[in-house]
Amino acid sequence: MILCECGEFIKKSTFKDYISTSQNPSTRTIGHEKCGLIFNFVDDNVSKKYSSRKRLKILAMKFAEKNDMERELIGKFLLEIDRLKSCGNMSDQKIILEAYRRVWIS
């Protein structure tokens, strides 16, 4: 699952495309159908989105809904989101995935 710059999690709504990368002038990749953003995974140019605390919690709730997270775990998940946001300069996607991992391990 990828967090797009437009703020949506991408799972199925993608299209295939070919772009020029440092390794090949015609590299196969995907793009987001809704906003048209094309991802360059080869050169590690995946966008890093840094949202406000409020916007990050909205994204976290969308993530929890898409993954059918149990109600008891959502509170812990949002608490981890707050802790990770306070700790440093991580992108939204890294914060959400790390919080998800911490909640499911404990």
N, C-alpha and C. Protein backbone atom coordinates (compact mmCIF):
# COMPACT_ATOMS: atom_id res chain seq x y z
N MET A 1 0.85 -1.17 0.00
CA MET A 1 0.00 0.00 0.00
C MET A 1 0.90 1.24 0.00
N ILE A 2 0.59 2.19 -0.86
CA ILE A 2 1.38 3.39 -1.03
C ILE A 2 0.53 4.60 -0.66
N LEU A 3 1.13 5.56 0.05
CA LEU A 3 0.45 6.81 0.35
C LEU A 3 0.83 7.81 -0.73
N CYS A 4 -0.14 8.25 -1.50
CA CYS A 4 0.09 9.19 -2.60
C CYS A 4 0.18 10.62 -2.06
N GLU A 5 0.74 11.52 -2.87
CA GLU A 5 0.81 12.93 -2.49
C GLU A 5 -0.57 13.56 -2.32
N CYS A 6 -1.56 13.01 -3.00
CA CYS A 6 -2.92 13.55 -2.89
C CYS A 6 -3.59 13.15 -1.57
N GLY A 7 -2.94 12.27 -0.78
CA GLY A 7 -3.47 11.90 0.53
C GLY A 7 -4.28 10.63 0.55
N GLU A 8 -4.30 9.88 -0.53
CA GLU A 8 -5.03 8.62 -0.57
C GLU A 8 -4.07 7.45 -0.56
N PHE A 9 -4.54 6.35 0.01
CA PHE A 9 -3.77 5.12 -0.03
C PHE A 9 -4.09 4.39 -1.32
N ILE A 10 -3.07 3.98 -2.02
CA ILE A 10 -3.24 3.34 -3.32
C ILE A 10 -3.06 1.85 -3.15
N LYS A 11 -4.05 1.13 -3.58
CA LYS A 11 -3.97 -0.33 -3.55
C LYS A 11 -4.27 -0.89 -4.93
N LYS A 12 -5.38 -0.47 -5.51
CA LYS A 12 -5.79 -1.04 -6.80
C LYS A 12 -5.96 0.00 -7.90
N SER A 13 -6.17 1.25 -7.55
CA SER A 13 -6.48 2.25 -8.57
C SER A 13 -5.20 2.81 -9.20
N THR A 14 -4.52 1.96 -9.98
CA THR A 14 -3.27 2.37 -10.62
C THR A 14 -3.32 2.10 -12.11
N PHE A 15 -2.42 2.73 -12.83
CA PHE A 15 -2.24 2.44 -14.24
C PHE A 15 -0.76 2.15 -14.48
N LYS A 16 -0.45 1.44 -15.54
CA LYS A 16 0.92 1.09 -15.86
C LYS A 16 1.48 2.13 -16.82
N ASP A 17 2.77 2.43 -16.65
CA ASP A 17 3.42 3.41 -17.49
C ASP A 17 4.91 3.08 -17.58
N TYR A 18 5.58 3.73 -18.49
CA TYR A 18 7.03 3.57 -18.65
C TYR A 18 7.68 4.94 -18.50
N ILE A 19 8.73 5.01 -17.65
CA ILE A 19 9.44 6.27 -17.44
C ILE A 19 10.93 6.06 -17.61
N SER A 20 11.64 7.14 -17.76
CA SER A 20 13.09 7.10 -17.85
C SER A 20 13.67 7.16 -16.44
N THR A 21 14.57 6.23 -16.10
CA THR A 21 15.23 6.21 -14.80
C THR A 21 16.73 6.18 -15.01
N SER A 22 17.47 6.19 -13.91
CA SER A 22 18.93 6.16 -14.00
C SER A 22 19.44 4.82 -14.53
N GLN A 23 18.65 3.77 -14.44
CA GLN A 23 19.08 2.44 -14.88
C GLN A 23 18.65 2.10 -16.30
N ASN A 24 17.57 2.71 -16.76
CA ASN A 24 17.02 2.32 -18.05
C ASN A 24 16.18 3.48 -18.62
N PRO A 25 16.27 3.73 -19.90
CA PRO A 25 15.45 4.81 -20.47
C PRO A 25 13.96 4.47 -20.56
N SER A 26 13.61 3.20 -20.36
CA SER A 26 12.21 2.79 -20.42
C SER A 26 11.93 1.77 -19.32
N THR A 27 11.64 2.27 -18.12
CA THR A 27 11.40 1.42 -16.95
C THR A 27 9.91 1.36 -16.67
N ARG A 28 9.40 0.17 -16.45
CA ARG A 28 7.98 -0.02 -16.16
C ARG A 28 7.68 0.42 -14.74
N THR A 29 6.59 1.14 -14.56
CA THR A 29 6.19 1.61 -13.23
C THR A 29 4.67 1.75 -13.18
N ILE A 30 4.16 2.30 -12.09
CA ILE A 30 2.73 2.52 -11.93
C ILE A 30 2.46 3.99 -11.65
N GLY A 31 1.22 4.38 -11.84
CA GLY A 31 0.77 5.73 -11.51
C GLY A 31 -0.59 5.66 -10.84
N HIS A 32 -0.97 6.72 -10.17
CA HIS A 32 -2.25 6.79 -9.46
C HIS A 32 -3.31 7.34 -10.41
N GLU A 33 -4.37 6.60 -10.62
CA GLU A 33 -5.43 6.99 -11.56
C GLU A 33 -6.11 8.30 -11.17
N LYS A 34 -6.31 8.54 -9.87
CA LYS A 34 -7.06 9.72 -9.44
C LYS A 34 -6.32 11.02 -9.73
N CYS A 35 -5.04 11.08 -9.36
CA CYS A 35 -4.31 12.35 -9.52
C CYS A 35 -3.27 12.32 -10.63
N GLY A 36 -2.95 11.14 -11.17
CA GLY A 36 -2.01 11.05 -12.27
C GLY A 36 -0.55 11.00 -11.88
N LEU A 37 -0.24 10.96 -10.60
CA LEU A 37 1.15 10.91 -10.15
C LEU A 37 1.78 9.59 -10.56
N ILE A 38 2.97 9.65 -11.15
CA ILE A 38 3.71 8.46 -11.57
C ILE A 38 4.85 8.24 -10.59
N PHE A 39 5.01 7.02 -10.11
CA PHE A 39 6.00 6.69 -9.10
C PHE A 39 7.30 6.18 -9.73
N ASN A 40 8.42 6.66 -9.22
CA ASN A 40 9.74 6.22 -9.66
C ASN A 40 10.37 5.45 -8.51
N PHE A 41 10.15 4.13 -8.47
CA PHE A 41 10.67 3.29 -7.40
C PHE A 41 12.14 2.96 -7.58
N VAL A 42 12.64 2.99 -8.79
CA VAL A 42 14.02 2.63 -9.08
C VAL A 42 14.99 3.63 -8.46
N ASP A 43 14.74 4.90 -8.65
CA ASP A 43 15.62 5.94 -8.13
C ASP A 43 15.23 6.40 -6.73
N ASP A 44 14.30 5.69 -6.11
CA ASP A 44 13.81 5.99 -4.76
C ASP A 44 13.29 7.42 -4.68
N ASN A 45 12.56 7.83 -5.70
CA ASN A 45 11.97 9.15 -5.74
C ASN A 45 10.50 9.13 -5.33
N VAL A 46 10.13 8.22 -4.44
CA VAL A 46 8.75 8.16 -3.96
C VAL A 46 8.53 9.38 -3.08
N SER A 47 7.45 10.08 -3.33
CA SER A 47 7.20 11.32 -2.60
C SER A 47 7.05 11.05 -1.11
N LYS A 48 7.56 11.97 -0.34
CA LYS A 48 7.44 11.89 1.11
C LYS A 48 6.55 13.04 1.55
N LYS A 49 5.41 12.69 2.09
CA LYS A 49 4.43 13.69 2.50
C LYS A 49 4.57 13.92 4.00
N TYR A 50 4.61 15.18 4.42
CA TYR A 50 4.69 15.56 5.82
C TYR A 50 3.48 16.42 6.14
N SER A 51 2.52 15.82 6.83
CA SER A 51 1.26 16.51 7.12
C SER A 51 1.24 17.05 8.54
N SER A 52 0.23 17.86 8.80
CA SER A 52 0.00 18.33 10.17
C SER A 52 -0.52 17.15 10.99
N ARG A 53 -0.53 17.32 12.29
CA ARG A 53 -1.00 16.27 13.19
C ARG A 53 -2.46 15.90 12.89
N LYS A 54 -3.29 16.90 12.64
CA LYS A 54 -4.70 16.66 12.36
C LYS A 54 -4.87 15.87 11.06
N ARG A 55 -4.18 16.29 10.00
CA ARG A 55 -4.27 15.60 8.70
C ARG A 55 -3.73 14.18 8.80
N LEU A 56 -2.66 14.00 9.58
CA LEU A 56 -2.07 12.68 9.75
C LEU A 56 -3.04 11.73 10.45
N LYS A 57 -3.78 12.23 11.41
CA LYS A 57 -4.77 11.38 12.10
C LYS A 57 -5.92 11.01 11.17
N ILE A 58 -6.30 11.92 10.29
CA ILE A 58 -7.34 11.61 9.30
C ILE A 58 -6.85 10.49 8.38
N LEU A 59 -5.59 10.59 7.93
CA LEU A 59 -5.01 9.53 7.09
C LEU A 59 -4.93 8.22 7.85
N ALA A 60 -4.57 8.30 9.13
CA ALA A 60 -4.47 7.09 9.96
C ALA A 60 -5.82 6.41 10.10
N MET A 61 -6.88 7.19 10.25
CA MET A 61 -8.22 6.60 10.37
C MET A 61 -8.65 5.96 9.04
N LYS A 62 -8.31 6.57 7.91
CA LYS A 62 -8.60 5.95 6.62
C LYS A 62 -7.86 4.63 6.49
N PHE A 63 -6.61 4.62 6.94
CA PHE A 63 -5.79 3.40 6.91
C PHE A 63 -6.42 2.33 7.80
N ALA A 64 -6.85 2.70 8.99
CA ALA A 64 -7.47 1.75 9.92
C ALA A 64 -8.76 1.17 9.33
N GLU A 65 -9.55 2.00 8.68
CA GLU A 65 -10.79 1.53 8.07
C GLU A 65 -10.51 0.56 6.92
N LYS A 66 -9.53 0.90 6.08
CA LYS A 66 -9.21 0.04 4.94
C LYS A 66 -8.67 -1.31 5.38
N ASN A 67 -8.02 -1.35 6.54
CA ASN A 67 -7.43 -2.59 7.05
C ASN A 67 -8.31 -3.28 8.08
N ASP A 68 -9.55 -2.83 8.21
CA ASP A 68 -10.52 -3.44 9.16
C ASP A 68 -9.92 -3.61 10.54
N MET A 69 -9.30 -2.56 11.05
CA MET A 69 -8.68 -2.60 12.37
C MET A 69 -9.77 -2.63 13.44
N GLU A 70 -9.56 -3.44 14.45
CA GLU A 70 -10.52 -3.55 15.55
C GLU A 70 -10.59 -2.24 16.33
N ARG A 71 -11.76 -1.95 16.86
CA ARG A 71 -11.97 -0.69 17.59
C ARG A 71 -11.03 -0.53 18.77
N GLU A 72 -10.73 -1.63 19.45
CA GLU A 72 -9.85 -1.56 20.61
C GLU A 72 -8.44 -1.12 20.22
N LEU A 73 -8.02 -1.48 19.01
CA LEU A 73 -6.67 -1.16 18.57
C LEU A 73 -6.55 0.23 17.95
N ILE A 74 -7.65 0.82 17.54
CA ILE A 74 -7.59 2.13 16.90
C ILE A 74 -7.06 3.19 17.86
N GLY A 75 -7.48 3.16 19.13
CA GLY A 75 -6.98 4.11 20.12
C GLY A 75 -5.48 3.99 20.31
N LYS A 76 -4.99 2.76 20.42
CA LYS A 76 -3.55 2.53 20.56
C LYS A 76 -2.81 2.99 19.30
N PHE A 77 -3.41 2.73 18.16
CA PHE A 77 -2.83 3.11 16.89
C PHE A 77 -2.67 4.64 16.79
N LEU A 78 -3.71 5.38 17.15
CA LEU A 78 -3.65 6.84 17.10
C LEU A 78 -2.65 7.40 18.12
N LEU A 79 -2.52 6.74 19.27
CA LEU A 79 -1.54 7.15 20.27
C LEU A 79 -0.12 6.96 19.73
N GLU A 80 0.12 5.86 19.05
CA GLU A 80 1.42 5.63 18.43
C GLU A 80 1.70 6.65 17.33
N ILE A 81 0.67 7.02 16.59
CA ILE A 81 0.81 8.05 15.56
C ILE A 81 1.30 9.34 16.20
N ASP A 82 0.68 9.73 17.32
CA ASP A 82 1.09 10.95 18.03
C ASP A 82 2.54 10.86 18.52
N ARG A 83 2.89 9.73 19.09
CA ARG A 83 4.25 9.56 19.60
C ARG A 83 5.28 9.65 18.49
N LEU A 84 5.03 8.98 17.38
CA LEU A 84 5.99 8.98 16.28
C LEU A 84 6.08 10.35 15.62
N LYS A 85 4.96 11.06 15.53
CA LYS A 85 4.97 12.41 14.94
C LYS A 85 5.81 13.35 15.81
N SER A 86 5.76 13.17 17.13
CA SER A 86 6.51 14.02 18.05
C SER A 86 8.00 13.72 18.06
N CYS A 87 8.35 12.49 17.71
CA CYS A 87 9.76 12.05 17.82
C CYS A 87 10.70 12.66 16.79
N GLY A 88 10.23 12.91 15.62
CA GLY A 88 11.18 13.38 14.62
C GLY A 88 10.56 13.75 13.31
N ASN A 89 11.36 13.62 12.28
CA ASN A 89 10.96 14.07 10.96
C ASN A 89 10.74 12.88 10.03
N MET A 90 9.78 12.03 10.36
CA MET A 90 9.44 10.88 9.52
C MET A 90 8.30 11.27 8.58
N SER A 91 8.28 10.66 7.41
CA SER A 91 7.19 10.92 6.47
C SER A 91 5.90 10.28 6.99
N ASP A 92 4.79 10.74 6.46
CA ASP A 92 3.49 10.21 6.89
C ASP A 92 3.39 8.71 6.71
N GLN A 93 3.83 8.23 5.56
CA GLN A 93 3.75 6.80 5.28
C GLN A 93 4.56 5.98 6.29
N LYS A 94 5.77 6.44 6.61
CA LYS A 94 6.60 5.72 7.58
C LYS A 94 5.97 5.73 8.97
N ILE A 95 5.40 6.86 9.36
CA ILE A 95 4.75 6.97 10.67
C ILE A 95 3.58 5.99 10.75
N ILE A 96 2.73 5.98 9.76
CA ILE A 96 1.53 5.13 9.77
C ILE A 96 1.92 3.65 9.78
N LEU A 97 2.86 3.27 8.94
CA LEU A 97 3.27 1.86 8.88
C LEU A 97 3.98 1.41 10.15
N GLU A 98 4.81 2.28 10.73
CA GLU A 98 5.51 1.93 11.97
C GLU A 98 4.51 1.82 13.13
N ALA A 99 3.55 2.74 13.20
CA ALA A 99 2.52 2.66 14.24
C ALA A 99 1.71 1.38 14.10
N TYR A 100 1.36 1.04 12.89
CA TYR A 100 0.61 -0.19 12.62
C TYR A 100 1.41 -1.41 13.07
N ARG A 101 2.69 -1.43 12.77
CA ARG A 101 3.56 -2.54 13.16
C ARG A 101 3.65 -2.65 14.70
N ARG A 102 3.81 -1.52 15.37
CA ARG A 102 3.92 -1.52 16.84
C ARG A 102 2.64 -2.00 17.52
N VAL A 103 1.50 -1.61 16.96
CA VAL A 103 0.21 -2.02 17.56
C VAL A 103 0.00 -3.51 17.38
N TRP A 104 0.35 -4.06 16.23
CA TRP A 104 0.10 -5.47 15.97
C TRP A 104 1.11 -6.38 16.67
N ILE A 105 2.31 -5.88 16.95
CA ILE A 105 3.30 -6.70 17.66
C ILE A 105 2.98 -6.79 19.14
N SER A 106 2.50 -5.70 19.74
CA SER A 106 2.24 -5.71 21.18
C SER A 106 0.97 -6.39 21.57
